[in-house]
Structure formats: C-alpha cells, structure tokens
N, C-alpha and C. Protein backbone atom coordinates (compact mmCIF):
# COMPACT_ATOMS: atom_id res chain seq x y z
N MET A 1 -19.01 0.01 5.49
CA MET A 1 -17.82 0.67 5.15
C MET A 1 -18.12 1.93 4.36
N GLN A 2 -17.36 2.89 4.65
CA GLN A 2 -17.64 4.30 3.92
C GLN A 2 -16.46 4.35 3.00
N THR A 3 -16.66 4.83 1.84
CA THR A 3 -15.80 5.10 0.90
C THR A 3 -15.47 6.59 0.75
N LEU A 4 -14.24 7.04 0.94
CA LEU A 4 -13.95 8.35 0.76
C LEU A 4 -12.96 8.59 -0.39
N THR A 5 -13.07 9.69 -0.95
CA THR A 5 -12.17 10.10 -2.17
C THR A 5 -11.35 11.33 -1.89
N SER A 6 -11.69 12.16 -1.00
CA SER A 6 -10.96 13.42 -0.68
C SER A 6 -10.20 13.44 0.56
N VAL A 7 -9.02 14.07 0.58
CA VAL A 7 -8.33 14.11 1.78
C VAL A 7 -9.09 14.62 3.08
N ASP A 8 -9.91 15.68 2.92
CA ASP A 8 -10.59 16.46 3.88
C ASP A 8 -11.73 15.40 4.41
N ALA A 9 -12.42 14.69 3.52
CA ALA A 9 -13.40 13.61 3.96
C ALA A 9 -12.66 12.57 4.81
N LEU A 10 -11.50 12.14 4.40
CA LEU A 10 -10.85 11.18 5.20
C LEU A 10 -10.47 11.60 6.62
N ARG A 11 -9.89 12.81 6.58
CA ARG A 11 -9.45 13.40 7.95
C ARG A 11 -10.68 13.62 8.80
N ARG A 12 -11.72 14.03 8.27
CA ARG A 12 -13.00 14.06 9.14
C ARG A 12 -13.36 12.82 9.71
N ALA A 13 -13.39 11.85 8.83
CA ALA A 13 -13.82 10.57 9.28
C ALA A 13 -12.90 9.94 10.29
N VAL A 14 -11.70 9.98 10.08
CA VAL A 14 -10.68 9.34 10.92
C VAL A 14 -10.75 10.23 12.28
N ASN A 15 -10.74 11.47 12.17
CA ASN A 15 -10.71 12.34 13.47
C ASN A 15 -11.91 12.00 14.33
N LYS A 16 -13.08 11.78 13.67
CA LYS A 16 -14.30 11.39 14.55
C LYS A 16 -14.00 10.05 15.27
N ALA A 17 -13.53 9.13 14.41
CA ALA A 17 -13.21 7.87 15.28
C ALA A 17 -12.05 8.09 16.27
N ARG A 18 -11.26 8.76 16.06
CA ARG A 18 -10.22 9.07 17.08
C ARG A 18 -10.71 9.68 18.26
N LYS A 19 -11.56 10.58 17.98
CA LYS A 19 -12.15 11.48 19.12
C LYS A 19 -13.16 10.58 20.10
N ALA A 20 -13.55 9.48 19.39
CA ALA A 20 -14.43 8.48 20.08
C ALA A 20 -13.67 7.54 20.84
N GLY A 21 -12.34 7.66 20.82
CA GLY A 21 -11.35 6.88 21.62
C GLY A 21 -10.87 5.57 20.89
N LYS A 22 -11.08 5.50 19.49
CA LYS A 22 -10.71 4.40 18.79
C LYS A 22 -9.33 4.56 18.30
N THR A 23 -8.64 3.49 18.24
CA THR A 23 -7.26 3.38 17.62
C THR A 23 -7.34 3.14 16.04
N ILE A 24 -6.51 3.66 15.31
CA ILE A 24 -6.53 3.65 13.90
C ILE A 24 -5.50 2.75 13.37
N GLY A 25 -5.92 1.68 12.45
CA GLY A 25 -5.12 0.83 11.75
C GLY A 25 -5.11 1.30 10.16
N PHE A 26 -4.02 1.08 9.51
CA PHE A 26 -4.03 1.31 8.10
C PHE A 26 -3.42 0.39 7.19
N VAL A 27 -3.92 0.14 6.03
CA VAL A 27 -3.38 -0.83 5.14
C VAL A 27 -3.31 -0.24 3.73
N PRO A 28 -2.20 0.28 3.29
CA PRO A 28 -2.09 0.97 2.01
C PRO A 28 -2.02 -0.16 0.90
N THR A 29 -2.62 -0.06 -0.09
CA THR A 29 -2.62 -0.96 -1.28
C THR A 29 -2.89 -0.21 -2.62
N MET A 30 -2.51 -0.88 -3.71
CA MET A 30 -2.79 -0.38 -4.92
C MET A 30 -3.89 -1.10 -5.61
N GLY A 31 -4.70 -1.83 -4.83
CA GLY A 31 -5.89 -2.44 -5.17
C GLY A 31 -5.62 -3.86 -5.99
N ASN A 32 -6.68 -4.37 -6.84
CA ASN A 32 -6.59 -5.71 -7.35
C ASN A 32 -6.45 -6.60 -6.21
N LEU A 33 -7.29 -6.61 -5.18
CA LEU A 33 -7.06 -7.20 -3.93
C LEU A 33 -7.13 -8.69 -4.01
N HIS A 34 -6.27 -9.32 -3.40
CA HIS A 34 -6.18 -10.84 -3.39
C HIS A 34 -6.05 -11.26 -1.84
N GLU A 35 -6.01 -12.53 -1.57
CA GLU A 35 -5.96 -13.11 -0.22
C GLU A 35 -4.77 -12.53 0.59
N GLY A 36 -3.64 -12.15 -0.03
CA GLY A 36 -2.69 -11.59 0.78
C GLY A 36 -2.94 -10.17 1.21
N HIS A 37 -3.65 -9.36 0.40
CA HIS A 37 -4.13 -8.03 0.88
C HIS A 37 -5.12 -8.24 2.16
N LEU A 38 -6.02 -9.29 1.96
CA LEU A 38 -6.98 -9.46 3.12
C LEU A 38 -6.46 -9.90 4.37
N GLN A 39 -5.34 -10.66 4.32
CA GLN A 39 -4.59 -10.99 5.50
C GLN A 39 -4.09 -9.80 6.20
N LEU A 40 -3.63 -8.80 5.36
CA LEU A 40 -3.08 -7.52 6.01
C LEU A 40 -4.30 -6.86 6.66
N LEU A 41 -5.42 -6.87 6.20
CA LEU A 41 -6.61 -6.25 6.69
C LEU A 41 -7.06 -6.95 7.95
N ARG A 42 -7.01 -8.27 7.94
CA ARG A 42 -7.43 -9.06 9.12
C ARG A 42 -6.39 -8.64 10.18
N ARG A 43 -5.15 -8.49 10.03
CA ARG A 43 -4.16 -8.27 11.04
C ARG A 43 -4.44 -6.91 11.59
N ALA A 44 -4.69 -5.96 10.73
CA ALA A 44 -4.97 -4.55 11.16
C ALA A 44 -6.20 -4.50 12.05
N LYS A 45 -7.22 -5.35 11.70
CA LYS A 45 -8.46 -5.37 12.56
C LYS A 45 -8.19 -5.90 13.93
N HIS A 46 -7.17 -6.81 13.93
CA HIS A 46 -6.75 -7.40 15.25
C HIS A 46 -6.01 -6.34 16.10
N LEU A 47 -5.36 -5.53 15.52
CA LEU A 47 -4.43 -4.49 16.24
C LEU A 47 -4.97 -3.21 16.58
N ALA A 48 -6.11 -2.79 15.87
CA ALA A 48 -6.69 -1.53 15.89
C ALA A 48 -8.21 -1.64 15.99
N ASP A 49 -8.91 -0.58 16.49
CA ASP A 49 -10.25 -0.57 16.50
C ASP A 49 -11.04 -0.23 15.21
N CYS A 50 -10.23 0.60 14.51
CA CYS A 50 -10.82 1.23 13.21
C CYS A 50 -9.70 1.14 12.16
N VAL A 51 -10.22 0.41 11.01
CA VAL A 51 -9.19 0.17 10.01
C VAL A 51 -9.50 0.94 8.67
N VAL A 52 -8.54 1.65 8.11
CA VAL A 52 -8.60 2.39 6.83
C VAL A 52 -7.79 1.52 5.90
N VAL A 53 -8.31 1.20 4.71
CA VAL A 53 -7.54 0.59 3.64
C VAL A 53 -7.57 1.74 2.43
N SER A 54 -6.45 1.90 1.92
CA SER A 54 -6.23 2.82 0.81
C SER A 54 -6.09 2.00 -0.51
N ILE A 55 -6.62 2.54 -1.59
CA ILE A 55 -6.42 1.96 -2.99
C ILE A 55 -6.05 3.12 -3.82
N PHE A 56 -4.75 3.17 -4.26
CA PHE A 56 -4.24 4.14 -5.14
C PHE A 56 -3.03 3.61 -5.91
N VAL A 57 -3.31 3.60 -7.13
CA VAL A 57 -2.05 3.17 -8.18
C VAL A 57 -1.33 4.45 -8.26
N ASN A 58 -0.11 4.47 -7.64
CA ASN A 58 0.71 5.50 -7.56
C ASN A 58 1.68 5.74 -8.77
N PRO A 59 1.37 6.78 -9.66
CA PRO A 59 2.24 6.96 -10.89
C PRO A 59 3.66 7.21 -10.55
N LEU A 60 3.91 7.82 -9.35
CA LEU A 60 5.24 8.45 -8.99
C LEU A 60 6.16 7.21 -8.76
N GLN A 61 5.75 6.03 -8.51
CA GLN A 61 6.65 4.80 -8.34
C GLN A 61 6.94 3.98 -9.50
N PHE A 62 6.23 4.32 -10.61
CA PHE A 62 6.35 3.65 -12.09
C PHE A 62 7.41 4.34 -12.86
N GLY A 63 8.28 3.58 -13.41
CA GLY A 63 9.16 4.08 -14.40
C GLY A 63 8.62 4.38 -15.70
N ALA A 64 9.38 4.92 -16.60
CA ALA A 64 8.87 5.35 -17.91
C ALA A 64 8.29 4.22 -18.81
N ASN A 65 8.97 3.15 -18.66
CA ASN A 65 8.53 1.95 -19.42
C ASN A 65 7.93 0.88 -18.64
N GLU A 66 7.46 1.14 -17.46
CA GLU A 66 6.76 0.17 -16.70
C GLU A 66 5.23 0.05 -16.86
N ASP A 67 4.53 -0.80 -16.14
CA ASP A 67 3.15 -1.22 -16.37
C ASP A 67 2.14 -0.35 -15.81
N LEU A 68 2.29 1.03 -15.68
CA LEU A 68 1.31 1.92 -15.02
C LEU A 68 -0.04 1.75 -15.69
N ASP A 69 -0.16 1.94 -17.04
CA ASP A 69 -1.45 1.77 -17.70
C ASP A 69 -2.08 0.49 -17.65
N ALA A 70 -1.27 -0.59 -17.62
CA ALA A 70 -1.75 -1.98 -17.61
C ALA A 70 -2.08 -2.53 -16.18
N TYR A 71 -1.60 -1.83 -15.23
CA TYR A 71 -1.82 -2.26 -13.85
C TYR A 71 -3.27 -2.58 -13.58
N PRO A 72 -3.75 -3.65 -13.15
CA PRO A 72 -5.03 -3.98 -12.98
C PRO A 72 -5.80 -3.13 -11.92
N ARG A 73 -6.91 -2.58 -12.44
CA ARG A 73 -7.77 -1.76 -11.46
C ARG A 73 -9.16 -2.34 -11.37
N THR A 74 -9.46 -2.85 -10.19
CA THR A 74 -10.72 -3.53 -9.92
C THR A 74 -11.48 -3.06 -8.69
N LEU A 75 -11.74 -1.76 -8.85
CA LEU A 75 -12.32 -1.17 -7.70
C LEU A 75 -13.58 -1.67 -7.13
N ALA A 76 -14.51 -1.96 -8.23
CA ALA A 76 -15.90 -2.54 -7.65
C ALA A 76 -15.63 -3.84 -6.79
N ALA A 77 -15.00 -4.77 -7.39
CA ALA A 77 -14.69 -6.04 -6.77
C ALA A 77 -13.89 -5.85 -5.56
N ASP A 78 -12.93 -4.94 -5.45
CA ASP A 78 -12.22 -4.69 -4.33
C ASP A 78 -13.10 -4.31 -3.10
N LYS A 79 -14.11 -3.24 -3.48
CA LYS A 79 -15.06 -2.77 -2.40
C LYS A 79 -15.78 -3.92 -1.80
N GLU A 80 -16.19 -4.80 -2.69
CA GLU A 80 -17.07 -6.05 -2.21
C GLU A 80 -16.17 -6.78 -1.23
N LYS A 81 -14.95 -7.05 -1.47
CA LYS A 81 -14.02 -7.89 -0.65
C LYS A 81 -13.74 -7.16 0.65
N LEU A 82 -13.56 -5.85 0.75
CA LEU A 82 -13.28 -4.91 1.95
C LEU A 82 -14.58 -4.81 2.82
N PHE A 83 -15.71 -4.86 2.19
CA PHE A 83 -16.87 -4.73 2.94
C PHE A 83 -17.25 -6.10 3.64
N ALA A 84 -16.96 -7.21 2.89
CA ALA A 84 -17.08 -8.56 3.44
C ALA A 84 -16.08 -8.77 4.58
N GLU A 85 -14.94 -8.21 4.58
CA GLU A 85 -13.99 -8.44 5.68
C GLU A 85 -14.09 -7.42 6.74
N GLY A 86 -14.95 -6.49 6.71
CA GLY A 86 -15.19 -5.44 7.78
C GLY A 86 -14.33 -4.35 7.83
N ALA A 87 -13.81 -3.84 6.77
CA ALA A 87 -13.03 -2.65 6.76
C ALA A 87 -14.02 -1.44 7.09
N ASN A 88 -13.46 -0.51 7.81
CA ASN A 88 -14.36 0.59 8.12
C ASN A 88 -14.27 1.81 7.16
N PHE A 89 -13.04 2.12 6.62
CA PHE A 89 -13.13 3.11 5.53
C PHE A 89 -12.27 2.61 4.39
N LEU A 90 -12.68 2.98 3.19
CA LEU A 90 -11.94 2.80 2.02
C LEU A 90 -11.42 4.13 1.57
N PHE A 91 -10.15 4.47 1.35
CA PHE A 91 -9.73 5.76 0.91
C PHE A 91 -9.29 5.47 -0.63
N ALA A 92 -10.02 6.04 -1.59
CA ALA A 92 -9.69 5.74 -2.92
C ALA A 92 -9.60 7.02 -3.81
N PRO A 93 -8.49 7.78 -3.53
CA PRO A 93 -8.39 9.11 -4.15
C PRO A 93 -7.95 9.10 -5.58
N THR A 94 -8.14 10.11 -6.27
CA THR A 94 -7.68 10.22 -7.76
C THR A 94 -6.15 10.77 -7.60
N VAL A 95 -5.61 10.79 -8.79
CA VAL A 95 -4.20 11.24 -8.94
C VAL A 95 -4.26 12.67 -8.56
N ASP A 96 -5.25 13.44 -8.99
CA ASP A 96 -5.44 14.87 -8.77
C ASP A 96 -5.54 15.14 -7.16
N ALA A 97 -6.21 14.28 -6.52
CA ALA A 97 -6.31 14.48 -5.01
C ALA A 97 -4.99 14.22 -4.31
N MET A 98 -4.21 13.23 -4.81
CA MET A 98 -2.84 13.00 -4.09
C MET A 98 -1.79 13.97 -4.69
N TYR A 99 -1.85 14.45 -5.80
CA TYR A 99 -0.86 15.30 -6.36
C TYR A 99 -1.58 16.46 -6.98
N PRO A 100 -2.08 17.45 -6.07
CA PRO A 100 -2.96 18.46 -6.65
C PRO A 100 -2.07 19.47 -7.51
N GLU A 101 -0.81 19.54 -7.45
CA GLU A 101 -0.03 20.44 -8.24
C GLU A 101 0.76 19.72 -9.25
N GLY A 102 0.45 18.40 -9.40
CA GLY A 102 1.18 17.52 -10.44
C GLY A 102 2.38 16.89 -9.77
N MET A 103 3.04 15.96 -10.44
CA MET A 103 4.05 15.25 -9.70
C MET A 103 5.55 15.89 -9.84
N LYS A 104 5.77 16.60 -10.92
CA LYS A 104 7.08 17.08 -11.21
C LYS A 104 7.53 18.15 -10.09
N PRO A 105 6.56 19.02 -9.56
CA PRO A 105 7.11 19.92 -8.49
C PRO A 105 6.72 19.29 -7.15
N GLN A 106 6.44 18.02 -7.10
CA GLN A 106 6.12 17.26 -5.73
C GLN A 106 7.50 17.20 -4.92
N THR A 107 7.31 17.51 -3.63
CA THR A 107 8.48 17.23 -2.66
C THR A 107 8.55 15.76 -2.71
N LEU A 108 9.78 15.32 -2.54
CA LEU A 108 10.16 13.90 -2.66
C LEU A 108 10.71 13.43 -1.31
N VAL A 109 10.48 12.16 -1.01
CA VAL A 109 11.02 11.54 0.19
C VAL A 109 11.90 10.42 -0.33
N SER A 110 13.25 10.58 0.10
CA SER A 110 14.18 9.63 -0.47
C SER A 110 14.96 8.88 0.78
N VAL A 111 14.96 7.63 0.79
CA VAL A 111 15.51 6.80 1.91
C VAL A 111 16.79 6.20 1.37
N PRO A 112 18.16 6.68 1.81
CA PRO A 112 19.32 6.42 1.26
C PRO A 112 19.80 4.97 1.63
N ARG A 113 20.77 4.64 0.77
CA ARG A 113 21.45 3.20 1.02
C ARG A 113 20.65 1.97 0.92
N ILE A 114 19.57 1.84 1.71
CA ILE A 114 18.93 0.63 1.63
C ILE A 114 18.02 0.51 0.20
N THR A 115 17.97 1.78 -0.52
CA THR A 115 17.22 1.57 -1.81
C THR A 115 18.25 1.43 -2.86
N ASP A 116 19.54 1.38 -2.69
CA ASP A 116 20.53 1.27 -3.63
C ASP A 116 20.67 -0.05 -4.37
N THR A 117 20.20 -1.16 -3.70
CA THR A 117 20.27 -2.66 -4.19
C THR A 117 19.13 -3.20 -4.56
N LEU A 118 19.30 -4.49 -5.03
CA LEU A 118 18.09 -5.20 -5.30
C LEU A 118 17.06 -4.72 -6.36
N CYS A 119 15.81 -4.56 -5.96
CA CYS A 119 14.80 -3.90 -6.79
C CYS A 119 15.10 -2.39 -7.00
N GLY A 120 15.69 -1.74 -6.02
CA GLY A 120 16.01 -0.32 -5.94
C GLY A 120 16.98 -0.04 -7.09
N ALA A 121 17.98 -0.96 -7.18
CA ALA A 121 19.22 -0.85 -8.29
C ALA A 121 18.41 -1.00 -9.69
N ALA A 122 17.44 -1.83 -9.84
CA ALA A 122 16.95 -2.06 -11.12
C ALA A 122 15.90 -1.22 -11.48
N ARG A 123 15.22 -0.50 -10.54
CA ARG A 123 14.14 0.55 -10.89
C ARG A 123 14.39 1.88 -10.21
N PRO A 124 15.24 2.52 -10.73
CA PRO A 124 15.71 3.90 -10.20
C PRO A 124 14.47 4.76 -9.99
N GLY A 125 14.50 5.35 -8.79
CA GLY A 125 13.36 6.18 -8.47
C GLY A 125 12.02 5.49 -7.97
N HIS A 126 12.21 4.22 -8.04
CA HIS A 126 10.92 3.54 -7.63
C HIS A 126 10.66 3.80 -5.97
N PHE A 127 11.62 3.48 -5.28
CA PHE A 127 11.46 3.62 -3.75
C PHE A 127 11.27 5.01 -3.35
N THR A 128 11.80 6.01 -4.08
CA THR A 128 11.38 7.34 -3.84
C THR A 128 9.97 7.61 -3.95
N GLY A 129 9.45 7.13 -5.08
CA GLY A 129 7.92 7.17 -5.23
C GLY A 129 7.14 6.50 -4.08
N VAL A 130 7.62 5.34 -3.67
CA VAL A 130 6.93 4.61 -2.59
C VAL A 130 7.08 5.43 -1.28
N ALA A 131 8.23 5.83 -0.97
CA ALA A 131 8.31 6.52 0.21
C ALA A 131 7.60 7.77 0.25
N THR A 132 7.53 8.49 -0.95
CA THR A 132 6.87 9.77 -1.00
C THR A 132 5.25 9.54 -0.75
N VAL A 133 4.76 8.59 -1.42
CA VAL A 133 3.19 8.33 -1.32
C VAL A 133 2.89 7.82 -0.02
N VAL A 134 3.82 6.93 0.60
CA VAL A 134 3.49 6.41 1.99
C VAL A 134 3.44 7.59 2.91
N THR A 135 4.47 8.37 2.86
CA THR A 135 4.50 9.56 3.71
C THR A 135 3.23 10.44 3.70
N LYS A 136 2.78 10.72 2.36
CA LYS A 136 1.63 11.43 2.24
C LYS A 136 0.49 10.75 2.80
N LEU A 137 0.30 9.45 2.62
CA LEU A 137 -0.80 8.73 3.08
C LEU A 137 -0.76 8.64 4.70
N PHE A 138 0.42 8.44 5.30
CA PHE A 138 0.56 8.54 6.68
C PHE A 138 0.19 9.85 7.32
N ASN A 139 0.51 11.05 6.57
CA ASN A 139 0.09 12.24 7.10
C ASN A 139 -1.41 12.53 6.86
N MET A 140 -2.02 11.82 5.98
CA MET A 140 -3.37 11.95 5.75
C MET A 140 -4.25 11.19 6.79
N VAL A 141 -3.86 9.93 7.04
CA VAL A 141 -4.62 9.05 7.92
C VAL A 141 -4.08 9.15 9.27
N GLN A 142 -2.80 9.37 9.53
CA GLN A 142 -2.29 9.40 11.05
C GLN A 142 -2.54 8.21 11.77
N PRO A 143 -2.21 6.99 11.23
CA PRO A 143 -2.64 5.75 11.98
C PRO A 143 -1.83 5.51 13.20
N ASP A 144 -2.27 4.80 14.00
CA ASP A 144 -1.36 4.22 15.16
C ASP A 144 -0.52 3.18 14.71
N VAL A 145 -1.09 2.22 13.75
CA VAL A 145 -0.28 1.12 13.22
C VAL A 145 -0.73 1.02 11.82
N ALA A 146 0.36 0.53 10.97
CA ALA A 146 0.13 0.31 9.56
C ALA A 146 0.72 -1.16 9.26
N VAL A 147 -0.02 -1.74 8.39
CA VAL A 147 0.37 -3.28 8.08
C VAL A 147 0.89 -3.42 6.69
N PHE A 148 1.97 -4.08 6.54
CA PHE A 148 2.58 -4.24 5.25
C PHE A 148 2.89 -5.75 5.09
N GLY A 149 2.86 -6.23 3.84
CA GLY A 149 3.32 -7.70 3.51
C GLY A 149 4.80 -7.84 3.35
N GLU A 150 5.22 -9.01 3.78
CA GLU A 150 6.62 -9.37 3.66
C GLU A 150 7.10 -9.72 2.18
N LYS A 151 6.18 -9.72 1.34
CA LYS A 151 6.38 -10.17 -0.06
C LYS A 151 7.28 -9.15 -0.81
N ASP A 152 6.86 -7.88 -0.42
CA ASP A 152 7.73 -6.60 -0.88
C ASP A 152 8.64 -6.36 0.25
N PHE A 153 9.61 -7.31 0.47
CA PHE A 153 10.54 -7.21 1.70
C PHE A 153 11.47 -5.86 1.62
N GLN A 154 11.91 -5.57 0.66
CA GLN A 154 12.77 -4.39 0.47
C GLN A 154 11.83 -3.21 0.90
N GLN A 155 10.68 -3.10 0.21
CA GLN A 155 9.70 -2.05 0.51
C GLN A 155 9.52 -1.91 2.11
N LEU A 156 9.29 -3.06 2.64
CA LEU A 156 9.02 -3.09 4.27
C LEU A 156 10.10 -2.40 4.88
N MET A 157 11.32 -2.77 4.41
CA MET A 157 12.60 -2.29 5.12
C MET A 157 12.74 -0.80 4.85
N VAL A 158 12.34 -0.34 3.70
CA VAL A 158 12.47 1.06 3.40
C VAL A 158 11.32 1.96 4.14
N ILE A 159 10.25 1.30 4.46
CA ILE A 159 9.13 2.06 5.26
C ILE A 159 9.57 2.07 6.71
N ARG A 160 10.22 1.03 7.18
CA ARG A 160 10.52 1.05 8.52
C ARG A 160 11.71 1.99 8.94
N LYS A 161 12.69 2.01 7.85
CA LYS A 161 13.66 2.95 7.99
C LYS A 161 13.21 4.45 7.93
N MET A 162 12.15 4.74 6.95
CA MET A 162 11.80 6.08 6.72
C MET A 162 10.95 6.47 8.07
N VAL A 163 10.15 5.60 8.60
CA VAL A 163 9.31 5.95 9.84
C VAL A 163 10.34 6.08 11.04
N GLY A 164 11.36 5.31 11.21
CA GLY A 164 12.37 5.48 12.14
C GLY A 164 13.04 6.80 12.10
N ASP A 165 13.57 7.07 10.90
CA ASP A 165 14.30 8.45 10.73
C ASP A 165 13.54 9.71 10.83
N MET A 166 12.29 9.55 10.33
CA MET A 166 11.39 10.73 10.45
C MET A 166 10.60 10.91 11.74
N CYS A 167 10.93 9.95 12.64
CA CYS A 167 10.19 9.98 13.92
C CYS A 167 8.66 9.99 13.91
N MET A 168 8.21 9.18 13.01
CA MET A 168 6.67 9.05 12.85
C MET A 168 6.33 8.10 13.89
N PRO A 169 5.16 8.58 14.72
CA PRO A 169 4.73 7.71 15.76
C PRO A 169 3.67 6.54 15.28
N ILE A 170 4.43 5.69 14.33
CA ILE A 170 3.43 4.68 13.81
C ILE A 170 4.23 3.28 14.00
N ASP A 171 3.42 2.35 14.52
CA ASP A 171 3.90 1.04 14.55
C ASP A 171 3.79 0.31 13.22
N ILE A 172 4.93 -0.15 12.66
CA ILE A 172 4.95 -0.90 11.30
C ILE A 172 4.91 -2.33 11.61
N VAL A 173 3.95 -3.04 11.25
CA VAL A 173 3.60 -4.49 11.36
C VAL A 173 3.78 -5.17 10.02
N SER A 174 4.47 -6.31 10.09
CA SER A 174 4.52 -7.07 8.82
C SER A 174 3.76 -8.49 8.97
N VAL A 175 3.30 -8.87 7.87
CA VAL A 175 2.53 -10.17 7.75
C VAL A 175 3.24 -11.13 6.70
N ALA A 176 3.35 -12.34 6.99
CA ALA A 176 4.14 -13.23 6.16
C ALA A 176 3.51 -13.32 4.80
N THR A 177 4.33 -13.61 3.88
CA THR A 177 3.79 -13.73 2.39
C THR A 177 2.74 -14.84 2.23
N VAL A 178 1.75 -14.63 1.53
CA VAL A 178 0.65 -15.49 1.24
C VAL A 178 0.94 -16.12 -0.15
N ARG A 179 0.95 -17.26 -0.13
CA ARG A 179 1.33 -18.01 -1.48
C ARG A 179 0.23 -18.84 -2.03
N GLU A 180 0.39 -19.01 -3.39
CA GLU A 180 -0.58 -19.94 -4.04
C GLU A 180 -0.22 -21.41 -3.74
N THR A 181 -1.14 -22.34 -4.16
CA THR A 181 -0.82 -23.74 -3.53
C THR A 181 0.58 -24.39 -4.29
N ASP A 182 0.96 -23.74 -5.36
CA ASP A 182 2.19 -24.24 -5.92
C ASP A 182 3.46 -23.40 -5.32
N GLY A 183 3.28 -22.51 -4.44
CA GLY A 183 4.33 -21.88 -3.69
C GLY A 183 4.58 -20.47 -4.19
N LEU A 184 3.88 -20.11 -5.37
CA LEU A 184 4.31 -18.65 -5.77
C LEU A 184 3.56 -17.53 -4.96
N ALA A 185 4.31 -16.54 -4.68
CA ALA A 185 3.74 -15.56 -3.88
C ALA A 185 2.60 -14.92 -4.66
N MET A 186 1.39 -14.67 -3.95
CA MET A 186 0.26 -14.02 -4.52
C MET A 186 0.67 -12.55 -5.01
N SER A 187 0.22 -12.15 -6.02
CA SER A 187 0.66 -10.80 -6.54
C SER A 187 -0.38 -10.45 -7.55
N SER A 188 -0.62 -9.13 -7.61
CA SER A 188 -1.51 -8.55 -8.63
C SER A 188 -0.84 -8.67 -9.95
N ARG A 189 0.41 -8.82 -10.21
CA ARG A 189 1.07 -8.84 -11.44
C ARG A 189 1.15 -10.29 -11.95
N ASN A 190 0.88 -11.41 -11.22
CA ASN A 190 0.80 -12.69 -11.64
C ASN A 190 0.21 -12.94 -12.90
N ASN A 191 -0.85 -12.31 -13.03
CA ASN A 191 -1.71 -12.38 -14.35
C ASN A 191 -0.90 -12.01 -15.57
N PHE A 192 0.08 -11.02 -15.46
CA PHE A 192 1.04 -10.76 -16.53
C PHE A 192 1.81 -11.77 -17.09
N LEU A 193 2.09 -12.92 -16.33
CA LEU A 193 2.89 -14.04 -16.71
C LEU A 193 2.21 -14.70 -17.86
N SER A 194 2.96 -15.27 -18.86
CA SER A 194 2.50 -16.26 -19.75
C SER A 194 2.29 -17.64 -19.10
N SER A 195 1.63 -18.53 -19.80
CA SER A 195 1.43 -19.94 -19.06
C SER A 195 2.86 -20.58 -18.76
N LYS A 196 3.79 -20.31 -19.72
CA LYS A 196 5.16 -20.91 -19.50
C LYS A 196 5.84 -20.26 -18.20
N GLU A 197 5.65 -18.95 -18.24
CA GLU A 197 6.44 -18.20 -17.30
C GLU A 197 5.70 -18.51 -15.93
N ARG A 198 4.35 -18.74 -15.91
CA ARG A 198 3.61 -19.06 -14.66
C ARG A 198 4.17 -20.38 -14.14
N ARG A 199 4.47 -21.47 -14.95
CA ARG A 199 4.85 -22.77 -14.54
C ARG A 199 6.31 -22.63 -13.95
N VAL A 200 7.17 -21.75 -14.56
CA VAL A 200 8.57 -21.60 -13.97
C VAL A 200 8.68 -20.84 -12.83
N ALA A 201 7.69 -19.79 -12.68
CA ALA A 201 7.83 -18.74 -11.45
C ALA A 201 7.93 -19.48 -10.12
N PRO A 202 7.23 -20.48 -9.91
CA PRO A 202 7.39 -20.98 -8.31
C PRO A 202 8.83 -21.45 -8.01
N ARG A 203 9.69 -21.67 -9.06
CA ARG A 203 10.94 -22.16 -8.86
C ARG A 203 11.86 -21.14 -8.54
N LEU A 204 11.61 -19.95 -8.69
CA LEU A 204 12.49 -18.72 -8.40
C LEU A 204 12.29 -18.32 -7.01
N HIS A 205 13.40 -18.05 -6.24
CA HIS A 205 13.38 -17.70 -4.94
C HIS A 205 14.35 -16.46 -4.82
C-alpha cells in the first residue's frame, strides 16, 4: 500500500493505474477505522481493480460547537488495517492540501431540499461541508465507483443526488450498516458515550 499526502502524488498514482487498464474504486473516510469501514473497502475491492481510501477529518462539515478537536485520529493503526485488507493507496492529506486558500473563500457545493430535514436541520451547513469535500475528493481521485455505508443514510442520499445532478460518471454503491453484538451501529463516535448512554443507545432507532 502506498500512502500519499499531496493531490499531485495522488493523481500521478491513480493515472498510472488507470493507464494500465485498471478500474478505480474509492472509499472516503475520516479515519479511526472499524469493521464498518473495512466492509466498505472489501466491497470496493470486489468492484474495482485498484482501491483508494482517503482519511481526512474535514473541518468544513463541523459546526462551531461540534467535536472537531476531539474527533479520534488514529492514522498509524488505520494504516495497519488498510495494509492488512489490501488497499492499494491511502490518501491522507493535510487541511492545507485540501483547502490551500483556507475554508472561508472556498467554493461550496450545496444540495437543496434533501439536506433540510433530519440531521441537516439539526446541523446547519453540515451537508454543504460534506458535499464540498466529497466533490473535491471525487475530482482528485476520479473513481469509477465509490462506496459509502448506509449508517449515514441521509449522507448517502445527498451524495447520490449530488452525483446525479452534477453528471459525475461515478457509480455510488452502498453497504449495509455493520453493528456491534448488541445492535448498535459501529461508529467512531461511540467512544464518546458514557457507560449509561452506551447501554441505552442500542434501543434507539
């Protein structure tokens, strides 16, 4: 597995694979990988010859009082998991690499209507941040297929709508939610729960 941190290096690596006749699969993540993420990677490997996994904690999708600083970052452990699963490329850019002019002058991608309810209503601007960074990543990787989990179902629908509206030639594939033994969906944020909250969480649907 090759780890890449710059957009130019990523493009060179992916273009070399594409010129060799390989199809490109893509799994965008924010890291702190668990079994749910690895299922996405396995699905992408089944669908494409060469798989790129990105790890980037995207500041643009976090609100002012959200958990950006506390979000778990476990790059070394994530690399080991991706290597064991046979990922071809890990793209792990810095914030400066993704937003070289900063985020305030950044062109934004907004997906209307579908982002006005549920999580979108509770987190204004969240899905604009998601749609913007995924658009940037799609432009960088230019995959044939991208794989997303159904756990973040509204996000999945936003990405599908965006890809359709913007005529992106990318097949969006979903993978069913992977759960703990008690039924709670696996999530990087589960560790934020207190012991009491963790006992209650599986009852919520």
